[in-house]
Amino acid sequence: MRGFVPPDDQTEVSSEQWAVVYMPGRNRKRYPANCVRIVDSQEEAKAAARPAQRLFPARVLGPSKSSEGQVVYYLVEWLST
């Protein structure tokens, strides 16, 4: 996974999760934590998607701390709606 901070197998600090991501464009690889809402399942992420309001379902990896000191999530994949 190029560009990702690899998850630590001995802790659960950073893990893959289902989410709804708010973003004007879907061309980034990482998103600030305040733009990401973690949900319990893929179905819940798809149900909460609102493309007209720029809310997109995704699978993300995180949370992680960026080199700038911000909490970010890395995009694993966009889910089809």
N, C-alpha and C. Protein backbone atom coordinates (compact mmCIF):
# COMPACT_ATOMS: atom_id res chain seq x y z
N MET A 1 0.85 -1.18 0.00
CA MET A 1 0.00 0.00 0.00
C MET A 1 0.89 1.24 0.00
N ARG A 2 1.21 1.69 -1.14
CA ARG A 2 2.08 2.85 -1.27
C ARG A 2 1.39 4.10 -0.74
N GLY A 3 2.12 4.89 0.05
CA GLY A 3 1.58 6.13 0.58
C GLY A 3 0.87 5.97 1.90
N PHE A 4 0.76 4.76 2.41
CA PHE A 4 0.09 4.50 3.68
C PHE A 4 1.12 4.27 4.77
N VAL A 5 0.75 4.61 5.98
CA VAL A 5 1.53 4.19 7.13
C VAL A 5 1.04 2.79 7.45
N PRO A 6 1.91 1.77 7.41
CA PRO A 6 1.42 0.41 7.60
C PRO A 6 0.83 0.20 8.99
N PRO A 7 -0.27 -0.56 9.07
CA PRO A 7 -0.87 -0.84 10.38
C PRO A 7 0.07 -1.69 11.23
N ASP A 8 0.01 -1.46 12.52
CA ASP A 8 0.80 -2.24 13.48
C ASP A 8 -0.02 -3.45 13.89
N ASP A 9 0.49 -4.65 13.61
CA ASP A 9 -0.23 -5.89 13.93
C ASP A 9 -0.41 -6.11 15.43
N GLN A 10 0.40 -5.45 16.26
CA GLN A 10 0.35 -5.67 17.70
C GLN A 10 -0.61 -4.72 18.41
N THR A 11 -1.12 -3.74 17.72
CA THR A 11 -2.08 -2.80 18.32
C THR A 11 -3.25 -2.61 17.37
N GLU A 12 -4.26 -1.93 17.84
CA GLU A 12 -5.41 -1.60 17.00
C GLU A 12 -5.55 -0.09 16.86
N VAL A 13 -4.42 0.58 16.81
CA VAL A 13 -4.42 2.03 16.69
C VAL A 13 -4.96 2.46 15.34
N SER A 14 -4.51 1.80 14.29
CA SER A 14 -4.94 2.14 12.94
C SER A 14 -5.46 0.87 12.27
N SER A 15 -6.67 0.94 11.73
CA SER A 15 -7.26 -0.25 11.12
C SER A 15 -8.17 0.17 9.96
N GLU A 16 -8.50 -0.80 9.10
CA GLU A 16 -9.44 -0.53 8.02
C GLU A 16 -10.85 -0.47 8.59
N GLN A 17 -11.61 0.53 8.14
CA GLN A 17 -12.96 0.74 8.64
C GLN A 17 -13.85 1.23 7.51
N TRP A 18 -15.15 1.06 7.68
CA TRP A 18 -16.14 1.60 6.74
C TRP A 18 -16.42 3.03 7.16
N ALA A 19 -16.66 3.89 6.19
CA ALA A 19 -16.86 5.30 6.51
C ALA A 19 -17.68 6.00 5.44
N VAL A 20 -18.15 7.18 5.82
CA VAL A 20 -18.74 8.12 4.87
C VAL A 20 -17.81 9.33 4.90
N VAL A 21 -17.32 9.72 3.73
CA VAL A 21 -16.33 10.78 3.63
C VAL A 21 -16.96 12.00 2.97
N TYR A 22 -16.81 13.16 3.62
CA TYR A 22 -17.25 14.42 3.02
C TYR A 22 -16.05 15.04 2.32
N MET A 23 -16.22 15.30 1.03
CA MET A 23 -15.14 15.96 0.31
C MET A 23 -15.67 16.49 -1.00
N PRO A 24 -15.32 17.72 -1.34
CA PRO A 24 -15.76 18.28 -2.62
C PRO A 24 -15.27 17.47 -3.82
N GLY A 25 -14.10 16.90 -3.75
CA GLY A 25 -13.58 16.08 -4.84
C GLY A 25 -13.10 14.74 -4.30
N ARG A 26 -13.12 13.73 -5.16
CA ARG A 26 -12.72 12.40 -4.70
C ARG A 26 -11.37 12.00 -5.29
N ASN A 27 -10.46 12.94 -5.39
CA ASN A 27 -9.18 12.64 -6.00
C ASN A 27 -8.01 12.60 -5.02
N ARG A 28 -8.26 12.70 -3.75
CA ARG A 28 -7.20 12.66 -2.75
C ARG A 28 -7.00 11.24 -2.24
N LYS A 29 -5.87 11.02 -1.58
CA LYS A 29 -5.57 9.72 -0.99
C LYS A 29 -5.72 9.72 0.52
N ARG A 30 -5.77 10.91 1.11
CA ARG A 30 -5.96 10.99 2.56
C ARG A 30 -6.91 12.14 2.88
N TYR A 31 -7.64 11.97 4.00
CA TYR A 31 -8.68 12.93 4.36
C TYR A 31 -8.58 13.27 5.84
N PRO A 32 -8.78 14.54 6.20
CA PRO A 32 -8.76 14.93 7.60
C PRO A 32 -9.86 14.22 8.38
N ALA A 33 -9.60 13.97 9.65
CA ALA A 33 -10.56 13.24 10.49
C ALA A 33 -11.91 13.93 10.55
N ASN A 34 -11.96 15.25 10.48
CA ASN A 34 -13.25 15.94 10.57
C ASN A 34 -14.10 15.77 9.32
N CYS A 35 -13.55 15.17 8.26
CA CYS A 35 -14.30 14.89 7.03
C CYS A 35 -14.74 13.43 6.95
N VAL A 36 -14.41 12.63 7.95
CA VAL A 36 -14.66 11.19 7.92
C VAL A 36 -15.58 10.81 9.08
N ARG A 37 -16.66 10.10 8.73
CA ARG A 37 -17.57 9.57 9.77
C ARG A 37 -17.51 8.05 9.68
N ILE A 38 -17.01 7.41 10.71
CA ILE A 38 -16.88 5.96 10.76
C ILE A 38 -18.25 5.35 11.03
N VAL A 39 -18.57 4.28 10.28
CA VAL A 39 -19.83 3.55 10.47
C VAL A 39 -19.52 2.08 10.70
N ASP A 40 -20.54 1.31 11.06
CA ASP A 40 -20.33 -0.09 11.45
C ASP A 40 -20.22 -1.08 10.29
N SER A 41 -20.77 -0.75 9.13
CA SER A 41 -20.79 -1.74 8.06
C SER A 41 -20.75 -1.08 6.69
N GLN A 42 -20.46 -1.90 5.70
CA GLN A 42 -20.46 -1.42 4.32
C GLN A 42 -21.86 -0.96 3.92
N GLU A 43 -22.87 -1.69 4.34
CA GLU A 43 -24.25 -1.33 4.01
C GLU A 43 -24.63 0.01 4.62
N GLU A 44 -24.19 0.26 5.85
CA GLU A 44 -24.49 1.53 6.50
C GLU A 44 -23.79 2.68 5.79
N ALA A 45 -22.56 2.46 5.33
CA ALA A 45 -21.83 3.49 4.59
C ALA A 45 -22.55 3.82 3.30
N LYS A 46 -23.00 2.79 2.58
CA LYS A 46 -23.71 3.02 1.33
C LYS A 46 -25.05 3.72 1.57
N ALA A 47 -25.74 3.35 2.64
CA ALA A 47 -27.04 3.97 2.93
C ALA A 47 -26.89 5.44 3.32
N ALA A 48 -25.77 5.80 3.94
CA ALA A 48 -25.56 7.18 4.38
C ALA A 48 -24.98 8.07 3.28
N ALA A 49 -24.64 7.49 2.16
CA ALA A 49 -24.05 8.26 1.06
C ALA A 49 -25.06 9.26 0.50
N ARG A 50 -24.58 10.44 0.24
CA ARG A 50 -25.38 11.51 -0.36
C ARG A 50 -24.47 12.26 -1.33
N PRO A 51 -24.26 11.72 -2.53
CA PRO A 51 -23.36 12.38 -3.48
C PRO A 51 -23.69 13.84 -3.75
N ALA A 52 -24.97 14.20 -3.75
CA ALA A 52 -25.35 15.60 -3.99
C ALA A 52 -24.84 16.51 -2.88
N GLN A 53 -24.67 15.96 -1.67
CA GLN A 53 -24.12 16.72 -0.54
C GLN A 53 -22.64 16.41 -0.33
N ARG A 54 -22.05 15.71 -1.30
CA ARG A 54 -20.63 15.35 -1.29
C ARG A 54 -20.25 14.41 -0.14
N LEU A 55 -21.14 13.49 0.17
CA LEU A 55 -20.88 12.43 1.16
C LEU A 55 -20.76 11.11 0.40
N PHE A 56 -19.57 10.51 0.45
CA PHE A 56 -19.29 9.32 -0.34
C PHE A 56 -18.92 8.14 0.55
N PRO A 57 -19.42 6.93 0.24
CA PRO A 57 -19.07 5.76 1.03
C PRO A 57 -17.67 5.26 0.64
N ALA A 58 -16.93 4.80 1.65
CA ALA A 58 -15.56 4.36 1.39
C ALA A 58 -15.09 3.39 2.46
N ARG A 59 -13.99 2.73 2.15
CA ARG A 59 -13.25 1.96 3.15
C ARG A 59 -11.97 2.74 3.38
N VAL A 60 -11.68 3.04 4.64
CA VAL A 60 -10.53 3.88 4.98
C VAL A 60 -9.61 3.16 5.97
N LEU A 61 -8.39 3.64 6.05
CA LEU A 61 -7.40 3.13 6.99
C LEU A 61 -7.04 4.27 7.92
N GLY A 62 -7.15 4.03 9.21
CA GLY A 62 -6.80 5.09 10.15
C GLY A 62 -7.41 4.84 11.51
N PRO A 63 -7.31 5.79 12.36
CA PRO A 63 -6.69 7.09 12.19
C PRO A 63 -5.16 7.00 12.23
N SER A 64 -4.54 8.00 11.63
CA SER A 64 -3.09 8.10 11.61
C SER A 64 -2.73 9.56 11.77
N LYS A 65 -1.54 9.82 12.24
CA LYS A 65 -1.09 11.19 12.40
C LYS A 65 -0.19 11.56 11.23
N SER A 66 -0.50 12.66 10.57
CA SER A 66 0.29 13.09 9.42
C SER A 66 1.58 13.76 9.89
N SER A 67 2.48 14.00 8.95
CA SER A 67 3.73 14.66 9.29
C SER A 67 3.49 16.10 9.75
N GLU A 68 2.32 16.66 9.40
CA GLU A 68 1.96 18.01 9.85
C GLU A 68 1.30 17.99 11.22
N GLY A 69 1.10 16.80 11.80
CA GLY A 69 0.51 16.69 13.13
C GLY A 69 -1.00 16.59 13.14
N GLN A 70 -1.63 16.44 11.97
CA GLN A 70 -3.08 16.31 11.92
C GLN A 70 -3.49 14.85 11.88
N VAL A 71 -4.68 14.55 12.38
CA VAL A 71 -5.22 13.19 12.32
C VAL A 71 -5.88 13.02 10.96
N VAL A 72 -5.48 11.95 10.24
CA VAL A 72 -5.99 11.71 8.89
C VAL A 72 -6.40 10.25 8.73
N TYR A 73 -7.22 10.02 7.72
CA TYR A 73 -7.59 8.68 7.29
C TYR A 73 -7.14 8.54 5.84
N TYR A 74 -6.63 7.36 5.50
CA TYR A 74 -6.20 7.08 4.14
C TYR A 74 -7.29 6.31 3.40
N LEU A 75 -7.53 6.68 2.17
CA LEU A 75 -8.52 6.00 1.35
C LEU A 75 -8.00 4.64 0.92
N VAL A 76 -8.76 3.58 1.19
CA VAL A 76 -8.44 2.26 0.69
C VAL A 76 -9.19 2.05 -0.62
N GLU A 77 -10.51 2.34 -0.60
CA GLU A 77 -11.31 2.26 -1.83
C GLU A 77 -12.62 3.00 -1.66
N TRP A 78 -13.10 3.56 -2.77
CA TRP A 78 -14.44 4.13 -2.82
C TRP A 78 -15.42 2.98 -3.05
N LEU A 79 -16.57 3.02 -2.41
CA LEU A 79 -17.61 2.02 -2.62
C LEU A 79 -18.60 2.54 -3.65
N SER A 80 -19.09 1.65 -4.48
CA SER A 80 -20.10 2.09 -5.44
C SER A 80 -21.43 2.29 -4.73
N THR A 81 -22.17 3.29 -5.16
CA THR A 81 -23.45 3.60 -4.50
C THR A 81 -24.61 3.05 -5.28
